[in-house]
């Protein structure tokens, strides 16, 4: 596990089989998030998987490397803003609202990203 904030091992396990498809431009009150590694079923390659949990218990899963990088930056933000010496990954559920957006690279390729709103 690369990182996990306010998500239990059970949340991550269940998200592997029942995560919700990302909805773009939908405000999500952030309860927790995680980045894990998994195997691509077709190629067998190891890949990173990102998960975002909302305050209603829905978990959104994604493999976009851009969104995962944003999630890692969000982890740094949460740690610096809310973390304590006793619990550096402390985060009060629902304090941040995010949304998934679509972007387009200079080469014309679409990607998924995360922004704080």
PDB file of N, CA and C in Angstrom:
ATOM      1  N   UNK A   1       0.853  -1.180   0.000  1.00  0.00           N
ATOM      2  CA  UNK A   1       0.000   0.000   0.000  1.00  0.00           C
ATOM      3  C   UNK A   1       0.896   1.239   0.000  1.00  0.00           C
ATOM      4  N   UNK A   2       0.684   2.108  -0.959  1.00  0.00           N
ATOM      5  CA  UNK A   2       1.471   3.332  -1.019  1.00  0.00           C
ATOM      6  C   UNK A   2       1.032   4.343   0.023  1.00  0.00           C
ATOM      7  N   UNK A   3      -0.296   4.586   0.103  1.00  0.00           N
ATOM      8  CA  UNK A   3      -0.795   5.528   1.109  1.00  0.00           C
ATOM      9  C   UNK A   3      -2.270   5.252   1.352  1.00  0.00           C
ATOM     10  N   UNK A   4      -2.688   5.621   2.556  1.00  0.00           N
ATOM     11  CA  UNK A   4      -4.092   5.444   2.916  1.00  0.00           C
ATOM     12  C   UNK A   4      -4.438   6.463   3.989  1.00  0.00           C
ATOM     13  N   UNK A   5      -5.479   7.281   3.752  1.00  0.00           N
ATOM     14  CA  UNK A   5      -5.940   8.275   4.707  1.00  0.00           C
ATOM     15  C   UNK A   5      -7.442   8.062   4.900  1.00  0.00           C
ATOM     16  N   UNK A   6      -7.846   7.760   6.131  1.00  0.00           N
ATOM     17  CA  UNK A   6      -9.256   7.548   6.493  1.00  0.00           C
ATOM     18  C   UNK A   6      -9.934   6.461   5.657  1.00  0.00           C
ATOM     19  N   UNK A   7      -9.158   5.497   5.213  1.00  0.00           N
ATOM     20  CA  UNK A   7      -9.723   4.323   4.549  1.00  0.00           C
ATOM     21  C   UNK A   7      -9.123   3.096   5.210  1.00  0.00           C
ATOM     22  N   UNK A   8      -9.973   2.184   5.619  1.00  0.00           N
ATOM     23  CA  UNK A   8      -9.501   0.963   6.253  1.00  0.00           C
ATOM     24  C   UNK A   8      -9.025  -0.016   5.184  1.00  0.00           C
ATOM     25  N   UNK A   9      -8.326  -1.041   5.626  1.00  0.00           N
ATOM     26  CA  UNK A   9      -7.919  -2.107   4.710  1.00  0.00           C
ATOM     27  C   UNK A   9      -9.157  -2.750   4.090  1.00  0.00           C
ATOM     28  N   UNK A  10     -10.237  -2.842   4.853  1.00  0.00           N
ATOM     29  CA  UNK A  10     -11.495  -3.412   4.344  1.00  0.00           C
ATOM     30  C   UNK A  10     -12.075  -2.520   3.244  1.00  0.00           C
ATOM     31  N   UNK A  11     -12.034  -1.192   3.430  1.00  0.00           N
ATOM     32  CA  UNK A  11     -12.502  -0.265   2.395  1.00  0.00           C
ATOM     33  C   UNK A  11     -11.758  -0.517   1.085  1.00  0.00           C
ATOM     34  N   UNK A  12     -10.444  -0.611   1.174  1.00  0.00           N
ATOM     35  CA  UNK A  12      -9.619  -0.792  -0.020  1.00  0.00           C
ATOM     36  C   UNK A  12      -9.897  -2.152  -0.651  1.00  0.00           C
ATOM     37  N   UNK A  13     -10.015  -3.177   0.162  1.00  0.00           N
ATOM     38  CA  UNK A  13     -10.313  -4.514  -0.346  1.00  0.00           C
ATOM     39  C   UNK A  13     -11.641  -4.510  -1.103  1.00  0.00           C
ATOM     40  N   UNK A  14     -12.678  -3.947  -0.489  1.00  0.00           N
ATOM     41  CA  UNK A  14     -13.994  -3.899  -1.120  1.00  0.00           C
ATOM     42  C   UNK A  14     -14.001  -2.999  -2.354  1.00  0.00           C
ATOM     43  N   UNK A  15     -13.207  -1.951  -2.345  1.00  0.00           N
ATOM     44  CA  UNK A  15     -13.150  -1.036  -3.489  1.00  0.00           C
ATOM     45  C   UNK A  15     -12.610  -1.735  -4.729  1.00  0.00           C
ATOM     46  N   UNK A  16     -11.776  -2.734  -4.542  1.00  0.00           N
ATOM     47  CA  UNK A  16     -11.228  -3.459  -5.689  1.00  0.00           C
ATOM     48  C   UNK A  16     -12.317  -4.136  -6.511  1.00  0.00           C
ATOM     49  N   UNK A  17     -13.434  -4.458  -5.880  1.00  0.00           N
ATOM     50  CA  UNK A  17     -14.500  -5.154  -6.600  1.00  0.00           C
ATOM     51  C   UNK A  17     -15.761  -4.320  -6.769  1.00  0.00           C
ATOM     52  N   UNK A  18     -15.890  -3.240  -6.011  1.00  0.00           N
ATOM     53  CA  UNK A  18     -17.167  -2.522  -6.069  1.00  0.00           C
ATOM     54  C   UNK A  18     -17.031  -1.008  -6.074  1.00  0.00           C
ATOM     55  N   UNK A  19     -15.923  -0.489  -6.578  1.00  0.00           N
ATOM     56  CA  UNK A  19     -15.801   0.973  -6.602  1.00  0.00           C
ATOM     57  C   UNK A  19     -16.734   1.560  -7.656  1.00  0.00           C
ATOM     58  N   UNK A  20     -17.127   2.801  -7.434  1.00  0.00           N
ATOM     59  CA  UNK A  20     -18.044   3.520  -8.317  1.00  0.00           C
ATOM     60  C   UNK A  20     -17.235   4.189  -9.419  1.00  0.00           C
ATOM     61  N   UNK A  21     -17.796   4.214 -10.621  1.00  0.00           N
ATOM     62  CA  UNK A  21     -17.136   4.889 -11.730  1.00  0.00           C
ATOM     63  C   UNK A  21     -17.068   6.389 -11.448  1.00  0.00           C
ATOM     64  N   UNK A  22     -15.968   7.009 -11.793  1.00  0.00           N
ATOM     65  CA  UNK A  22     -15.762   8.439 -11.566  1.00  0.00           C
ATOM     66  C   UNK A  22     -16.805   9.248 -12.332  1.00  0.00           C
ATOM     67  N   UNK A  23     -17.415  10.202 -11.640  1.00  0.00           N
ATOM     68  CA  UNK A  23     -18.354  11.138 -12.254  1.00  0.00           C
ATOM     69  C   UNK A  23     -17.650  12.488 -12.347  1.00  0.00           C
ATOM     70  N   UNK A  24     -17.569  13.035 -13.531  1.00  0.00           N
ATOM     71  CA  UNK A  24     -16.837  14.276 -13.727  1.00  0.00           C
ATOM     72  C   UNK A  24     -17.658  15.484 -13.306  1.00  0.00           C
ATOM     73  N   UNK A  25     -16.963  16.483 -12.744  1.00  0.00           N
ATOM     74  CA  UNK A  25     -17.527  17.758 -12.313  1.00  0.00           C
ATOM     75  C   UNK A  25     -18.577  17.625 -11.215  1.00  0.00           C
ATOM     76  N   UNK A  26     -18.600  16.519 -10.519  1.00  0.00           N
ATOM     77  CA  UNK A  26     -19.506  16.303  -9.398  1.00  0.00           C
ATOM     78  C   UNK A  26     -18.760  16.615  -8.102  1.00  0.00           C
ATOM     79  N   UNK A  27     -19.227  17.593  -7.310  1.00  0.00           N
ATOM     80  CA  UNK A  27     -18.543  17.875  -6.046  1.00  0.00           C
ATOM     81  C   UNK A  27     -18.611  16.651  -5.120  1.00  0.00           C
ATOM     82  N   UNK A  28     -17.468  16.286  -4.571  1.00  0.00           N
ATOM     83  CA  UNK A  28     -17.363  15.134  -3.682  1.00  0.00           C
ATOM     84  C   UNK A  28     -16.788  15.611  -2.356  1.00  0.00           C
ATOM     85  N   UNK A  29     -17.567  15.457  -1.281  1.00  0.00           N
ATOM     86  CA  UNK A  29     -17.050  15.781   0.057  1.00  0.00           C
ATOM     87  C   UNK A  29     -16.119  14.643   0.454  1.00  0.00           C
ATOM     88  N   UNK A  30     -14.858  14.950   0.557  1.00  0.00           N
ATOM     89  CA  UNK A  30     -13.818  13.950   0.745  1.00  0.00           C
ATOM     90  C   UNK A  30     -13.813  13.390   2.164  1.00  0.00           C
ATOM     91  N   UNK A  31     -13.940  12.078   2.265  1.00  0.00           N
ATOM     92  CA  UNK A  31     -13.849  11.409   3.563  1.00  0.00           C
ATOM     93  C   UNK A  31     -12.496  10.725   3.713  1.00  0.00           C
ATOM     94  N   UNK A  32     -11.950  10.211   2.633  1.00  0.00           N
ATOM     95  CA  UNK A  32     -10.669   9.523   2.680  1.00  0.00           C
ATOM     96  C   UNK A  32     -10.192   9.192   1.281  1.00  0.00           C
ATOM     97  N   UNK A  33      -8.951   8.697   1.193  1.00  0.00           N
ATOM     98  CA  UNK A  33      -8.393   8.336  -0.102  1.00  0.00           C
ATOM     99  C   UNK A  33      -7.232   7.377   0.085  1.00  0.00           C
ATOM    100  N   UNK A  34      -6.893   6.686  -0.998  1.00  0.00           N
ATOM    101  CA  UNK A  34      -5.805   5.718  -0.950  1.00  0.00           C
ATOM    102  C   UNK A  34      -5.208   5.542  -2.334  1.00  0.00           C
ATOM    103  N   UNK A  35      -3.951   5.137  -2.357  1.00  0.00           N
ATOM    104  CA  UNK A  35      -3.290   4.704  -3.586  1.00  0.00           C
ATOM    105  C   UNK A  35      -2.681   3.348  -3.279  1.00  0.00           C
ATOM    106  N   UNK A  36      -3.017   2.355  -4.109  1.00  0.00           N
ATOM    107  CA  UNK A  36      -2.508   1.000  -3.934  1.00  0.00           C
ATOM    108  C   UNK A  36      -1.873   0.547  -5.238  1.00  0.00           C
ATOM    109  N   UNK A  37      -1.344  -0.656  -5.212  1.00  0.00           N
ATOM    110  CA  UNK A  37      -0.828  -1.266  -6.431  1.00  0.00           C
ATOM    111  C   UNK A  37      -1.650  -2.498  -6.738  1.00  0.00           C
ATOM    112  N   UNK A  38      -1.896  -2.733  -8.006  1.00  0.00           N
ATOM    113  CA  UNK A  38      -2.627  -3.913  -8.440  1.00  0.00           C
ATOM    114  C   UNK A  38      -2.043  -4.421  -9.731  1.00  0.00           C
ATOM    115  N   UNK A  39      -2.493  -5.589 -10.140  1.00  0.00           N
ATOM    116  CA  UNK A  39      -2.013  -6.184 -11.385  1.00  0.00           C
ATOM    117  C   UNK A  39      -3.047  -6.004 -12.482  1.00  0.00           C
ATOM    118  N   UNK A  40      -2.568  -5.595 -13.647  1.00  0.00           N
ATOM    119  CA  UNK A  40      -3.424  -5.502 -14.816  1.00  0.00           C
ATOM    120  C   UNK A  40      -3.814  -6.915 -15.225  1.00  0.00           C
ATOM    121  N   UNK A  41      -5.115  -7.174 -15.355  1.00  0.00           N
ATOM    122  CA  UNK A  41      -5.602  -8.524 -15.657  1.00  0.00           C
ATOM    123  C   UNK A  41      -5.146  -9.014 -17.017  1.00  0.00           C
ATOM    124  N   UNK A  42      -4.965  -8.104 -17.975  1.00  0.00           N
ATOM    125  CA  UNK A  42      -4.580  -8.498 -19.323  1.00  0.00           C
ATOM    126  C   UNK A  42      -3.077  -8.672 -19.479  1.00  0.00           C
ATOM    127  N   UNK A  43      -2.292  -7.732 -18.933  1.00  0.00           N
ATOM    128  CA  UNK A  43      -0.848  -7.758 -19.148  1.00  0.00           C
ATOM    129  C   UNK A  43      -0.057  -8.334 -17.979  1.00  0.00           C
ATOM    130  N   UNK A  44      -0.667  -8.372 -16.790  1.00  0.00           N
ATOM    131  CA  UNK A  44       0.043  -8.841 -15.609  1.00  0.00           C
ATOM    132  C   UNK A  44       0.965  -7.794 -15.002  1.00  0.00           C
ATOM    133  N   UNK A  45       1.026  -6.616 -15.633  1.00  0.00           N
ATOM    134  CA  UNK A  45       1.885  -5.544 -15.134  1.00  0.00           C
ATOM    135  C   UNK A  45       1.313  -4.954 -13.845  1.00  0.00           C
ATOM    136  N   UNK A  46       2.217  -4.488 -12.982  1.00  0.00           N
ATOM    137  CA  UNK A  46       1.796  -3.801 -11.764  1.00  0.00           C
ATOM    138  C   UNK A  46       1.460  -2.361 -12.116  1.00  0.00           C
ATOM    139  N   UNK A  47       0.327  -1.882 -11.583  1.00  0.00           N
ATOM    140  CA  UNK A  47      -0.084  -0.504 -11.835  1.00  0.00           C
ATOM    141  C   UNK A  47      -0.627   0.098 -10.547  1.00  0.00           C
ATOM    142  N   UNK A  48      -0.613   1.417 -10.482  1.00  0.00           N
ATOM    143  CA  UNK A  48      -1.183   2.110  -9.329  1.00  0.00           C
ATOM    144  C   UNK A  48      -2.675   2.300  -9.544  1.00  0.00           C
ATOM    145  N   UNK A  49      -3.422   2.190  -8.447  1.00  0.00           N
ATOM    146  CA  UNK A  49      -4.861   2.401  -8.461  1.00  0.00           C
ATOM    147  C   UNK A  49      -5.183   3.417  -7.381  1.00  0.00           C
ATOM    148  N   UNK A  50      -5.957   4.439  -7.732  1.00  0.00           N
ATOM    149  CA  UNK A  50      -6.360   5.456  -6.777  1.00  0.00           C
ATOM    150  C   UNK A  50      -7.803   5.250  -6.368  1.00  0.00           C
ATOM    151  N   UNK A  51      -8.094   5.580  -5.106  1.00  0.00           N
ATOM    152  CA  UNK A  51      -9.454   5.499  -4.583  1.00  0.00           C
ATOM    153  C   UNK A  51      -9.751   6.764  -3.793  1.00  0.00           C
ATOM    154  N   UNK A  52     -10.974   7.270  -3.960  1.00  0.00           N
ATOM    155  CA  UNK A  52     -11.462   8.412  -3.196  1.00  0.00           C
ATOM    156  C   UNK A  52     -12.766   7.977  -2.551  1.00  0.00           C
ATOM    157  N   UNK A  53     -12.897   8.222  -1.242  1.00  0.00           N
ATOM    158  CA  UNK A  53     -14.117   7.873  -0.504  1.00  0.00           C
ATOM    159  C   UNK A  53     -14.839   9.156  -0.135  1.00  0.00           C
ATOM    160  N   UNK A  54     -16.169   9.207  -0.417  1.00  0.00           N
ATOM    161  CA  UNK A  54     -16.931  10.391  -0.046  1.00  0.00           C
ATOM    162  C   UNK A  54     -17.600  10.184   1.314  1.00  0.00           C
ATOM    163  N   UNK A  55     -18.209  11.231   1.841  1.00  0.00           N
ATOM    164  CA  UNK A  55     -18.792  11.178   3.183  1.00  0.00           C
ATOM    165  C   UNK A  55     -20.032  10.290   3.248  1.00  0.00           C
ATOM    166  N   UNK A  56     -20.550   9.869   2.100  1.00  0.00           N
ATOM    167  CA  UNK A  56     -21.693   8.954   2.071  1.00  0.00           C
ATOM    168  C   UNK A  56     -21.253   7.495   1.971  1.00  0.00           C
ATOM    169  N   UNK A  57     -19.934   7.271   1.915  1.00  0.00           N
ATOM    170  CA  UNK A  57     -19.411   5.911   1.861  1.00  0.00           C
ATOM    171  C   UNK A  57     -19.133   5.382   0.474  1.00  0.00           C
ATOM    172  N   UNK A  58     -19.425   6.168  -0.565  1.00  0.00           N
ATOM    173  CA  UNK A  58     -19.103   5.741  -1.932  1.00  0.00           C
ATOM    174  C   UNK A  58     -17.602   5.817  -2.139  1.00  0.00           C
ATOM    175  N   UNK A  59     -17.061   4.843  -2.859  1.00  0.00           N
ATOM    176  CA  UNK A  59     -15.636   4.846  -3.164  1.00  0.00           C
ATOM    177  C   UNK A  59     -15.475   4.849  -4.676  1.00  0.00           C
ATOM    178  N   UNK A  60     -14.727   5.829  -5.178  1.00  0.00           N
ATOM    179  CA  UNK A  60     -14.483   5.994  -6.605  1.00  0.00           C
ATOM    180  C   UNK A  60     -13.087   5.471  -6.910  1.00  0.00           C
ATOM    181  N   UNK A  61     -12.970   4.602  -7.912  1.00  0.00           N
ATOM    182  CA  UNK A  61     -11.684   4.040  -8.282  1.00  0.00           C
ATOM    183  C   UNK A  61     -11.235   4.550  -9.636  1.00  0.00           C
ATOM    184  N   UNK A  62      -9.917   4.684  -9.815  1.00  0.00           N
ATOM    185  CA  UNK A  62      -9.382   5.192 -11.083  1.00  0.00           C
ATOM    186  C   UNK A  62      -7.925   4.775 -11.239  1.00  0.00           C
ATOM    187  N   UNK A  63      -7.463   4.755 -12.495  1.00  0.00           N
ATOM    188  CA  UNK A  63      -6.071   4.391 -12.778  1.00  0.00           C
ATOM    189  C   UNK A  63      -5.308   5.506 -13.484  1.00  0.00           C
ATOM    190  N   UNK A  64      -5.920   6.657 -13.643  1.00  0.00           N
ATOM    191  CA  UNK A  64      -5.264   7.786 -14.298  1.00  0.00           C
ATOM    192  C   UNK A  64      -4.018   8.192 -13.522  1.00  0.00           C
ATOM    193  N   UNK A  65      -2.866   8.148 -14.189  1.00  0.00           N
ATOM    194  CA  UNK A  65      -1.614   8.516 -13.511  1.00  0.00           C
ATOM    195  C   UNK A  65      -1.615   9.992 -13.110  1.00  0.00           C
ATOM    196  N   UNK A  66      -2.289  10.834 -13.888  1.00  0.00           N
ATOM    197  CA  UNK A  66      -2.367  12.262 -13.563  1.00  0.00           C
ATOM    198  C   UNK A  66      -3.179  12.451 -12.291  1.00  0.00           C
ATOM    199  N   UNK A  67      -4.342  11.787 -12.188  1.00  0.00           N
ATOM    200  CA  UNK A  67      -5.185  11.901 -10.998  1.00  0.00           C
ATOM    201  C   UNK A  67      -4.486  11.304  -9.782  1.00  0.00           C
ATOM    202  N   UNK A  68      -3.752  10.214  -9.969  1.00  0.00           N
ATOM    203  CA  UNK A  68      -3.019   9.604  -8.852  1.00  0.00           C
ATOM    204  C   UNK A  68      -1.931  10.547  -8.359  1.00  0.00           C
ATOM    205  N   UNK A  69      -1.249  11.217  -9.273  1.00  0.00           N
ATOM    206  CA  UNK A  69      -0.239  12.203  -8.868  1.00  0.00           C
ATOM    207  C   UNK A  69      -0.887  13.339  -8.082  1.00  0.00           C
ATOM    208  N   UNK A  70      -2.073  13.785  -8.510  1.00  0.00           N
ATOM    209  CA  UNK A  70      -2.800  14.820  -7.768  1.00  0.00           C
ATOM    210  C   UNK A  70      -3.195  14.323  -6.383  1.00  0.00           C
ATOM    211  N   UNK A  71      -3.568  13.047  -6.295  1.00  0.00           N
ATOM    212  CA  UNK A  71      -3.926  12.462  -5.001  1.00  0.00           C
ATOM    213  C   UNK A  71      -2.712  12.424  -4.072  1.00  0.00           C
ATOM    214  N   UNK A  72      -1.540  12.142  -4.620  1.00  0.00           N
ATOM    215  CA  UNK A  72      -0.314  12.161  -3.818  1.00  0.00           C
ATOM    216  C   UNK A  72      -0.012  13.579  -3.341  1.00  0.00           C
ATOM    217  N   UNK A  73      -0.256  14.574  -4.197  1.00  0.00           N
ATOM    218  CA  UNK A  73      -0.096  15.978  -3.787  1.00  0.00           C
ATOM    219  C   UNK A  73      -1.127  16.360  -2.731  1.00  0.00           C
ATOM    220  N   UNK A  74      -2.350  15.836  -2.878  1.00  0.00           N
ATOM    221  CA  UNK A  74      -3.393  16.076  -1.879  1.00  0.00           C
ATOM    222  C   UNK A  74      -2.978  15.487  -0.534  1.00  0.00           C
ATOM    223  N   UNK A  75      -2.326  14.336  -0.567  1.00  0.00           N
ATOM    224  CA  UNK A  75      -1.826  13.722   0.672  1.00  0.00           C
ATOM    225  C   UNK A  75      -0.844  14.660   1.366  1.00  0.00           C
ATOM    226  N   UNK A  76       0.066  15.249   0.594  1.00  0.00           N
ATOM    227  CA  UNK A  76       1.015  16.217   1.166  1.00  0.00           C
ATOM    228  C   UNK A  76       0.266  17.402   1.771  1.00  0.00           C
ATOM    229  N   UNK A  77      -0.741  17.911   1.068  1.00  0.00           N
ATOM    230  CA  UNK A  77      -1.534  19.036   1.553  1.00  0.00           C
ATOM    231  C   UNK A  77      -2.243  18.686   2.862  1.00  0.00           C
ATOM    232  N   UNK A  78      -2.884  17.517   2.903  1.00  0.00           N
ATOM    233  CA  UNK A  78      -3.610  17.076   4.097  1.00  0.00           C
ATOM    234  C   UNK A  78      -2.652  16.919   5.270  1.00  0.00           C
ATOM    235  N   UNK A  79      -1.508  16.306   5.025  1.00  0.00           N
ATOM    236  CA  UNK A  79      -0.522  16.088   6.085  1.00  0.00           C
ATOM    237  C   UNK A  79      -0.038  17.416   6.665  1.00  0.00           C
ATOM    238  N   UNK A  80       0.254  18.370   5.783  1.00  0.00           N
ATOM    239  CA  UNK A  80       0.747  19.674   6.232  1.00  0.00           C
ATOM    240  C   UNK A  80      -0.346  20.507   6.897  1.00  0.00           C
ATOM    241  N   UNK A  81      -1.576  20.395   6.421  1.00  0.00           N
ATOM    242  CA  UNK A  81      -2.665  21.233   6.912  1.00  0.00           C
ATOM    243  C   UNK A  81      -3.312  20.681   8.175  1.00  0.00           C
ATOM    244  N   UNK A  82      -3.533  19.366   8.235  1.00  0.00           N
ATOM    245  CA  UNK A  82      -4.310  18.775   9.326  1.00  0.00           C
ATOM    246  C   UNK A  82      -3.513  17.834  10.229  1.00  0.00           C
ATOM    247  N   UNK A  83      -2.435  17.292   9.712  1.00  0.00           N
ATOM    248  CA  UNK A  83      -1.688  16.275  10.448  1.00  0.00           C
ATOM    249  C   UNK A  83      -1.143  16.773  11.778  1.00  0.00           C
ATOM    250  N   UNK A  84      -0.991  15.838  12.696  1.00  0.00           N
ATOM    251  CA  UNK A  84      -0.408  16.133  14.004  1.00  0.00           C
ATOM    252  C   UNK A  84       0.810  15.243  14.192  1.00  0.00           C
ATOM    253  N   UNK A  85       1.594  15.527  15.218  1.00  0.00           N
ATOM    254  CA  UNK A  85       2.751  14.675  15.494  1.00  0.00           C
ATOM    255  C   UNK A  85       2.315  13.244  15.773  1.00  0.00           C
ATOM    256  N   UNK A  86       1.215  13.100  16.512  1.00  0.00           N
ATOM    257  CA  UNK A  86       0.720  11.768  16.860  1.00  0.00           C
ATOM    258  C   UNK A  86       0.113  11.060  15.657  1.00  0.00           C
ATOM    259  N   UNK A  87      -0.500  11.820  14.753  1.00  0.00           N
ATOM    260  CA  UNK A  87      -1.160  11.236  13.587  1.00  0.00           C
ATOM    261  C   UNK A  87      -0.941  12.141  12.368  1.00  0.00           C
ATOM    262  N   UNK A  88       0.179  11.949  11.677  1.00  0.00           N
ATOM    263  CA  UNK A  88       0.480  12.830  10.547  1.00  0.00           C
ATOM    264  C   UNK A  88      -0.530  12.731   9.407  1.00  0.00           C
ATOM    265  N   UNK A  89      -1.265  11.618   9.311  1.00  0.00           N
ATOM    266  CA  UNK A  89      -2.274  11.446   8.258  1.00  0.00           C
ATOM    267  C   UNK A  89      -3.674  11.830   8.727  1.00  0.00           C
ATOM    268  N   UNK A  90      -3.782  12.541   9.855  1.00  0.00           N
ATOM    269  CA  UNK A  90      -5.101  12.949  10.349  1.00  0.00           C
ATOM    270  C   UNK A  90      -5.781  13.843   9.325  1.00  0.00           C
ATOM    271  N   UNK A  91      -7.076  13.603   9.108  1.00  0.00           N
ATOM    272  CA  UNK A  91      -7.876  14.426   8.225  1.00  0.00           C
ATOM    273  C   UNK A  91      -9.325  14.376   8.707  1.00  0.00           C
ATOM    274  N   UNK A  92      -9.945  15.546   8.977  1.00  0.00           N
ATOM    275  CA  UNK A  92     -11.354  15.557   9.392  1.00  0.00           C
ATOM    276  C   UNK A  92     -12.263  15.327   8.189  1.00  0.00           C
ATOM    277  N   UNK A  93     -12.991  14.221   8.190  1.00  0.00           N
ATOM    278  CA  UNK A  93     -13.839  13.835   7.060  1.00  0.00           C
ATOM    279  C   UNK A  93     -14.757  14.973   6.628  1.00  0.00           C
ATOM    280  N   UNK A  94     -14.808  15.208   5.326  1.00  0.00           N
ATOM    281  CA  UNK A  94     -15.717  16.194   4.753  1.00  0.00           C
ATOM    282  C   UNK A  94     -15.199  17.615   4.728  1.00  0.00           C
ATOM    283  N   UNK A  95     -13.986  17.855   5.210  1.00  0.00           N
ATOM    284  CA  UNK A  95     -13.475  19.217   5.287  1.00  0.00           C
ATOM    285  C   UNK A  95     -13.043  19.758   3.917  1.00  0.00           C
ATOM    286  N   UNK A  96     -12.759  18.869   2.976  1.00  0.00           N
ATOM    287  CA  UNK A  96     -12.336  19.269   1.633  1.00  0.00           C
ATOM    288  C   UNK A  96     -13.344  18.723   0.630  1.00  0.00           C
ATOM    289  N   UNK A  97     -13.695  19.543  -0.348  1.00  0.00           N
ATOM    290  CA  UNK A  97     -14.519  19.101  -1.458  1.00  0.00           C
ATOM    291  C   UNK A  97     -13.642  19.077  -2.706  1.00  0.00           C
ATOM    292  N   UNK A  98     -13.713  17.964  -3.421  1.00  0.00           N
ATOM    293  CA  UNK A  98     -12.943  17.811  -4.657  1.00  0.00           C
ATOM    294  C   UNK A  98     -13.907  17.512  -5.804  1.00  0.00           C
ATOM    295  N   UNK A  99     -13.371  17.534  -7.001  1.00  0.00           N
ATOM    296  CA  UNK A  99     -14.111  17.002  -8.137  1.00  0.00           C
ATOM    297  C   UNK A  99     -13.108  16.467  -9.157  1.00  0.00           C
ATOM    298  N   UNK A 100     -13.568  15.492  -9.922  1.00  0.00           N
ATOM    299  CA  UNK A 100     -12.779  14.947 -11.018  1.00  0.00           C
ATOM    300  C   UNK A 100     -13.080  15.780 -12.252  1.00  0.00           C
ATOM    301  N   UNK A 101     -12.035  16.117 -12.993  1.00  0.00           N
ATOM    302  CA  UNK A 101     -12.207  16.873 -14.226  1.00  0.00           C
ATOM    303  C   UNK A 101     -11.486  16.150 -15.361  1.00  0.00           C
ATOM    304  N   UNK A 102     -11.897  16.463 -16.581  1.00  0.00           N
ATOM    305  CA  UNK A 102     -11.206  15.963 -17.771  1.00  0.00           C
ATOM    306  C   UNK A 102     -10.326  17.076 -18.301  1.00  0.00           C
ATOM    307  N   UNK A 103      -9.154  16.691 -18.743  1.00  0.00           N
ATOM    308  CA  UNK A 103      -8.257  17.641 -19.365  1.00  0.00           C
ATOM    309  C   UNK A 103      -7.755  17.075 -20.677  1.00  0.00           C
ATOM    310  N   UNK A 104      -7.021  17.899 -21.416  1.00  0.00           N
ATOM    311  CA  UNK A 104      -6.467  17.450 -22.689  1.00  0.00           C
ATOM    312  C   UNK A 104      -5.009  17.875 -22.736  1.00  0.00           C
ATOM    313  N   UNK A 105      -4.140  16.922 -23.031  1.00  0.00           N
ATOM    314  CA  UNK A 105      -2.712  17.220 -23.108  1.00  0.00           C
ATOM    315  C   UNK A 105      -2.405  18.020 -24.371  1.00  0.00           C
ATOM    316  N   UNK A 106      -1.197  18.541 -24.452  1.00  0.00           N
ATOM    317  CA  UNK A 106      -0.786  19.284 -25.643  1.00  0.00           C
ATOM    318  C   UNK A 106      -0.852  18.397 -26.878  1.00  0.00           C
ATOM    319  N   UNK A 107      -0.662  17.102 -26.661  1.00  0.00           N
ATOM    320  CA  UNK A 107      -0.724  16.156 -27.769  1.00  0.00           C
ATOM    321  C   UNK A 107      -2.137  15.725 -28.118  1.00  0.00           C
ATOM    322  N   UNK A 108      -3.132  16.261 -27.391  1.00  0.00           N
ATOM    323  CA  UNK A 108      -4.521  15.961 -27.697  1.00  0.00           C
ATOM    324  C   UNK A 108      -5.098  14.781 -26.952  1.00  0.00           C
ATOM    325  N   UNK A 109      -4.324  14.180 -26.048  1.00  0.00           N
ATOM    326  CA  UNK A 109      -4.818  13.019 -25.303  1.00  0.00           C
ATOM    327  C   UNK A 109      -5.606  13.488 -24.095  1.00  0.00           C
ATOM    328  N   UNK A 110      -6.795  12.868 -23.875  1.00  0.00           N
ATOM    329  CA  UNK A 110      -7.614  13.207 -22.705  1.00  0.00           C
ATOM    330  C   UNK A 110      -7.066  12.522 -21.467  1.00  0.00           C
ATOM    331  N   UNK A 111      -7.200  13.190 -20.321  1.00  0.00           N
ATOM    332  CA  UNK A 111      -6.788  12.606 -19.038  1.00  0.00           C
ATOM    333  C   UNK A 111      -7.742  13.043 -17.955  1.00  0.00           C
ATOM    334  N   UNK A 112      -7.681  12.355 -16.832  1.00  0.00           N
ATOM    335  CA  UNK A 112      -8.494  12.666 -15.658  1.00  0.00           C
ATOM    336  C   UNK A 112      -7.610  13.310 -14.613  1.00  0.00           C
ATOM    337  N   UNK A 113      -8.143  14.314 -13.931  1.00  0.00           N
ATOM    338  CA  UNK A 113      -7.402  14.963 -12.855  1.00  0.00           C
ATOM    339  C   UNK A 113      -8.366  15.254 -11.710  1.00  0.00           C
ATOM    340  N   UNK A 114      -7.810  15.661 -10.579  1.00  0.00           N
ATOM    341  CA  UNK A 114      -8.575  16.002  -9.378  1.00  0.00           C
ATOM    342  C   UNK A 114      -8.238  17.427  -8.996  1.00  0.00           C
ATOM    343  N   UNK A 115      -9.270  18.207  -8.646  1.00  0.00           N
ATOM    344  CA  UNK A 115      -9.063  19.565  -8.156  1.00  0.00           C
ATOM    345  C   UNK A 115      -9.840  19.765  -6.863  1.00  0.00           C
ATOM    346  N   UNK A 116      -9.323  20.633  -6.013  1.00  0.00           N
ATOM    347  CA  UNK A 116     -10.030  21.044  -4.801  1.00  0.00           C
ATOM    348  C   UNK A 116     -10.932  22.207  -5.193  1.00  0.00           C
ATOM    349  N   UNK A 117     -12.204  22.151  -4.749  1.00  0.00           N
ATOM    350  CA  UNK A 117     -13.144  23.235  -5.077  1.00  0.00           C
ATOM    351  C   UNK A 117     -13.540  23.986  -3.837  1.00  0.00           C
TER     352      UNK A 117
END
